[in-house]
């Protein structure tokens, strides 16, 4: 009887696994003992878990790591600075130029084993907009090493306030899994929709290339499909029922 209850508990847990958290592949939290001691340094900070690379795009610079707790803070569970830092970037394009050319880029490193039941990817990050920074950010991803970039549905994000964190920005990519070309993505400054210029995050400010974006808790995860787990659990229950009938004979 005890064995039966244990097996049913395990199978029940498997059936509920579809609602569990996504499996993290790589994450950057940019934490370190001091602002100039974040692993990897300013040009290519190392992930806090998993393997990947982070880099600056199109002439953007990173003058320092700044607080991840100020102005409301990011979602990093570490609530003090140090060690909670975030990656601050600046030197964006001049007004009305270089749309979708400046920002940050992240890439998974090496071949990535695909777990059972994974049917897509999810990318999440926290982003702080300064007053004069670009109000609009565009997410793009590539599966061929950056030759081709795709802008999926829900890839345009608005930061409609200055000196403010916009946390848990999320892009869901069902059906997208790392291939031979891996997986990489960019977050780029872009013109305000239907215009030919950048809008400032603070509605009362003017856009300036010296405006800053700050990034924290950049995370790429596999997303399981709930019905896959439910199907496995169902097959297990069927097998258990057959075994029990035979054992009773």
Protein backbone atom coordinates (compact mmCIF):
# COMPACT_ATOMS: atom_id res chain seq x y z
CA UNK A 1 0.00 0.00 0.00
CA UNK A 2 2.82 2.37 0.89
CA UNK A 3 4.53 1.64 -2.43
CA UNK A 4 1.30 2.40 -4.27
CA UNK A 5 0.84 5.72 -2.50
CA UNK A 6 4.45 6.71 -3.20
CA UNK A 7 4.12 5.92 -6.90
CA UNK A 8 0.87 7.84 -7.18
CA UNK A 9 2.46 10.82 -5.44
CA UNK A 10 5.36 10.80 -7.90
CA UNK A 11 3.06 10.53 -10.90
CA UNK A 12 0.86 13.30 -9.56
CA UNK A 13 3.87 15.54 -9.16
CA UNK A 14 4.87 14.81 -12.74
CA UNK A 15 1.41 15.78 -13.95
CA UNK A 16 1.77 19.13 -12.19
CA UNK A 17 5.27 19.75 -13.55
CA UNK A 18 3.91 21.72 -16.47
CA UNK A 19 3.20 24.60 -14.11
CA UNK A 20 6.69 24.54 -12.61
CA UNK A 21 9.27 27.21 -13.23
CA UNK A 22 11.04 27.26 -16.57
CA UNK A 23 14.52 25.73 -16.62
CA UNK A 24 17.19 28.44 -16.63
CA UNK A 25 19.92 28.01 -19.25
CA UNK A 26 21.96 31.12 -18.49
CA UNK A 27 21.57 34.20 -16.29
CA UNK A 28 23.46 37.43 -15.71
CA UNK A 29 22.95 39.21 -12.37
CA UNK A 30 26.09 41.42 -12.67
CA UNK A 31 26.83 41.06 -8.96
CA UNK A 32 30.26 41.45 -7.42
CA UNK A 33 32.06 42.51 -4.26
CA UNK A 34 32.66 46.01 -5.66
CA UNK A 35 31.63 48.08 -8.67
CA UNK A 36 34.88 47.33 -10.53
CA UNK A 37 35.00 43.65 -9.50
CA UNK A 38 32.06 42.12 -11.37
CA UNK A 39 33.39 38.94 -13.06
CA UNK A 40 34.28 39.47 -16.70
CA UNK A 41 34.50 43.24 -16.48
CA UNK A 42 32.57 46.00 -18.20
CA UNK A 43 33.03 44.95 -21.83
CA UNK A 44 31.86 41.36 -21.44
CA UNK A 45 30.49 40.53 -17.98
CA UNK A 46 30.31 36.81 -17.24
CA UNK A 47 27.01 35.06 -16.47
CA UNK A 48 26.25 34.24 -12.86
CA UNK A 49 24.97 30.80 -13.93
CA UNK A 50 25.30 28.86 -17.15
CA UNK A 51 27.57 29.71 -20.07
CA UNK A 52 27.26 32.65 -22.40
CA UNK A 53 28.67 35.97 -23.56
CA UNK A 54 27.50 39.56 -23.15
CA UNK A 55 28.72 42.42 -25.34
CA UNK A 56 28.08 46.02 -26.37
CA UNK A 57 26.66 46.82 -29.81
CA UNK A 58 27.27 49.70 -32.21
CA UNK A 59 29.55 51.98 -30.21
CA UNK A 60 27.67 51.80 -26.92
CA UNK A 61 29.95 52.11 -23.88
CA UNK A 62 29.69 50.84 -20.33
CA UNK A 63 31.29 53.33 -17.93
CA UNK A 64 30.67 51.29 -14.80
CA UNK A 65 28.43 48.90 -12.92
CA UNK A 66 25.86 50.83 -10.92
CA UNK A 67 23.38 49.97 -8.18
CA UNK A 68 20.75 47.35 -8.82
CA UNK A 69 18.73 48.55 -5.82
CA UNK A 70 18.34 52.30 -6.46
CA UNK A 71 15.10 53.82 -7.81
CA UNK A 72 13.04 50.85 -6.73
CA UNK A 73 15.61 48.32 -7.91
CA UNK A 74 15.56 45.27 -10.12
CA UNK A 75 14.16 41.84 -9.26
CA UNK A 76 17.52 40.61 -8.00
CA UNK A 77 16.77 39.00 -4.60
CA UNK A 78 20.00 40.47 -3.23
CA UNK A 79 18.76 43.72 -1.69
CA UNK A 80 21.98 45.60 -0.97
CA UNK A 81 24.73 47.24 -3.02
CA UNK A 82 27.29 45.80 -2.99
CA UNK A 83 26.99 43.10 -4.20
CA UNK A 84 23.83 43.88 -6.21
CA UNK A 85 25.02 45.73 -9.29
CA UNK A 86 23.59 46.24 -12.77
CA UNK A 87 25.26 46.85 -16.14
CA UNK A 88 24.98 50.53 -17.09
CA UNK A 89 25.33 51.51 -20.76
CA UNK A 90 25.51 54.85 -22.58
CA UNK A 91 26.78 56.52 -25.80
CA UNK A 92 23.68 55.85 -27.84
CA UNK A 93 23.07 57.27 -31.32
CA UNK A 94 22.49 60.94 -32.13
CA UNK A 95 18.89 62.01 -32.49
CA UNK A 96 17.34 60.74 -35.73
CA UNK A 97 20.24 58.42 -36.65
CA UNK A 98 21.19 54.74 -36.47
CA UNK A 99 17.83 53.23 -35.67
CA UNK A 100 18.24 49.70 -34.25
CA UNK A 101 22.02 49.77 -34.22
CA UNK A 102 23.03 50.41 -30.59
CA UNK A 103 22.42 48.40 -27.46
CA UNK A 104 23.53 45.13 -25.88
CA UNK A 105 23.85 41.55 -27.05
CA UNK A 106 23.77 38.21 -25.24
CA UNK A 107 24.54 34.74 -26.58
CA UNK A 108 24.44 31.17 -25.33
CA UNK A 109 27.81 29.43 -25.36
CA UNK A 110 28.48 26.07 -27.02
CA UNK A 111 25.98 23.34 -27.90
CA UNK A 112 22.98 23.43 -25.60
CA UNK A 113 21.34 20.08 -24.70
CA UNK A 114 17.57 20.28 -25.19
CA UNK A 115 15.72 18.76 -22.21
CA UNK A 116 12.74 16.45 -22.59
CA UNK A 117 9.52 18.42 -22.97
CA UNK A 118 11.17 21.74 -23.91
CA UNK A 119 9.17 23.40 -26.66
CA UNK A 120 10.57 26.92 -26.70
CA UNK A 121 12.57 29.62 -24.99
CA UNK A 122 11.78 32.52 -22.70
CA UNK A 123 13.96 35.61 -22.27
CA UNK A 124 13.48 37.92 -19.27
CA UNK A 125 15.34 40.97 -18.03
CA UNK A 126 15.06 44.10 -15.90
CA UNK A 127 15.91 47.45 -17.50
CA UNK A 128 16.30 50.90 -16.00
CA UNK A 129 15.73 53.93 -18.27
CA UNK A 130 17.31 57.26 -17.39
CA UNK A 131 15.41 60.50 -18.12
CA UNK A 132 17.11 61.20 -21.47
CA UNK A 133 17.43 57.59 -22.66
CA UNK A 134 15.51 56.10 -25.56
CA UNK A 135 11.95 55.43 -24.49
CA UNK A 136 11.66 52.47 -26.87
CA UNK A 137 13.66 49.22 -26.84
CA UNK A 138 13.47 46.46 -29.44
CA UNK A 139 14.29 42.77 -28.84
CA UNK A 140 15.72 40.70 -31.70
CA UNK A 141 17.04 37.13 -31.78
CA UNK A 142 19.21 35.07 -34.13
CA UNK A 143 19.74 31.33 -34.59
CA UNK A 144 22.51 31.62 -37.18
CA UNK A 145 25.21 33.53 -35.36
CA UNK A 146 23.84 36.99 -36.11
CA UNK A 147 23.41 36.73 -39.90
CA UNK A 148 19.63 36.92 -39.66
CA UNK A 149 17.70 38.73 -36.94
CA UNK A 150 14.04 38.14 -36.10
CA UNK A 151 11.70 40.54 -34.29
CA UNK A 152 9.01 38.36 -32.73
CA UNK A 153 5.57 39.42 -31.60
CA UNK A 154 5.77 41.38 -28.37
CA UNK A 155 9.36 42.48 -28.90
CA UNK A 156 8.88 46.26 -28.57
CA UNK A 157 9.12 47.68 -25.03
CA UNK A 158 8.31 51.16 -23.76
CA UNK A 159 10.01 52.85 -20.82
CA UNK A 160 7.59 55.71 -20.21
CA UNK A 161 9.32 57.18 -17.14
CA UNK A 162 12.85 58.32 -16.37
CA UNK A 163 15.18 56.98 -13.67
CA UNK A 164 12.82 54.03 -13.40
CA UNK A 165 13.22 50.23 -13.47
CA UNK A 166 10.97 48.26 -15.80
CA UNK A 167 11.20 44.74 -14.43
CA UNK A 168 10.36 41.31 -15.80
CA UNK A 169 10.38 42.32 -19.43
CA UNK A 170 9.60 39.03 -21.12
CA UNK A 171 9.74 37.63 -24.62
CA UNK A 172 8.19 34.17 -25.15
CA UNK A 173 9.51 32.18 -28.10
CA UNK A 174 7.36 29.06 -28.57
CA UNK A 175 8.90 26.66 -31.05
CA UNK A 176 12.29 28.40 -30.90
CA UNK A 177 15.16 26.24 -29.61
CA UNK A 178 18.94 26.67 -29.96
CA UNK A 179 20.15 25.17 -33.23
CA UNK A 180 23.54 24.63 -34.86
CA UNK A 181 23.98 28.40 -34.87
CA UNK A 182 23.12 28.63 -31.19
CA UNK A 183 20.90 31.40 -29.85
CA UNK A 184 21.67 35.07 -29.36
CA UNK A 185 19.61 38.19 -28.81
CA UNK A 186 19.93 41.95 -28.80
CA UNK A 187 18.14 44.76 -27.00
CA UNK A 188 18.45 47.88 -29.13
CA UNK A 189 17.39 51.52 -28.98
CA UNK A 190 14.79 52.31 -31.62
CA UNK A 191 12.84 55.28 -32.95
CA UNK A 192 9.42 56.01 -31.47
CA UNK A 193 6.76 54.16 -33.50
CA UNK A 194 5.83 55.84 -36.79
CA UNK A 195 8.53 58.51 -36.37
CA UNK A 196 12.10 59.08 -37.49
CA UNK A 197 13.54 59.94 -34.11
CA UNK A 198 14.06 58.76 -30.55
CA UNK A 199 11.70 59.76 -27.74
CA UNK A 200 13.01 60.38 -24.24
CA UNK A 201 11.87 58.09 -21.45
CA UNK A 202 10.88 61.06 -19.30
CA UNK A 203 8.07 62.84 -21.17
CA UNK A 204 9.35 66.23 -19.96
CA UNK A 205 12.96 65.56 -21.05
CA UNK A 206 14.75 65.55 -24.38
CA UNK A 207 16.47 62.49 -25.77
CA UNK A 208 20.28 62.55 -25.54
CA UNK A 209 22.97 60.04 -26.55
CA UNK A 210 24.33 60.37 -23.00
CA UNK A 211 21.15 58.83 -21.63
CA UNK A 212 21.64 55.48 -19.95
CA UNK A 213 20.08 52.04 -19.94
CA UNK A 214 20.89 49.72 -17.04
CA UNK A 215 20.38 45.93 -17.26
CA UNK A 216 19.95 43.29 -14.58
CA UNK A 217 18.72 39.70 -14.17
CA UNK A 218 19.06 38.85 -17.86
CA UNK A 219 17.81 35.27 -18.10
CA UNK A 220 17.27 32.69 -20.87
CA UNK A 221 15.18 29.63 -20.00
CA UNK A 222 13.70 26.56 -21.61
CA UNK A 223 9.93 26.50 -21.40
CA UNK A 224 8.24 23.11 -20.88
CA UNK A 225 4.93 22.31 -22.48
CA UNK A 226 2.42 21.32 -19.76
CA UNK A 227 0.65 18.67 -21.84
CA UNK A 228 3.97 16.87 -22.41
CA UNK A 229 4.30 16.27 -18.68
CA UNK A 230 0.63 15.42 -18.33
CA UNK A 231 0.98 12.87 -21.15
CA UNK A 232 3.99 11.25 -19.44
CA UNK A 233 2.12 11.12 -16.17
CA UNK A 234 -0.92 9.62 -17.92
CA UNK A 235 1.18 6.91 -19.53
CA UNK A 236 2.69 6.16 -16.15
CA UNK A 237 -0.72 5.80 -14.55
CA UNK A 238 -1.88 3.47 -17.32
CA UNK A 239 1.20 1.34 -16.89
CA UNK A 240 0.70 1.25 -13.15
CA UNK A 241 -2.93 0.16 -13.54
CA UNK A 242 -1.92 -2.70 -15.86
CA UNK A 243 0.80 -3.80 -13.43
CA UNK A 244 -1.62 -3.72 -10.51
CA UNK A 245 -4.20 -5.85 -12.34
CA UNK A 246 -1.60 -8.43 -13.23
CA UNK A 247 -0.20 -8.48 -9.71
CA UNK A 248 -3.68 -9.14 -8.32
CA UNK A 249 -4.15 -12.31 -10.40
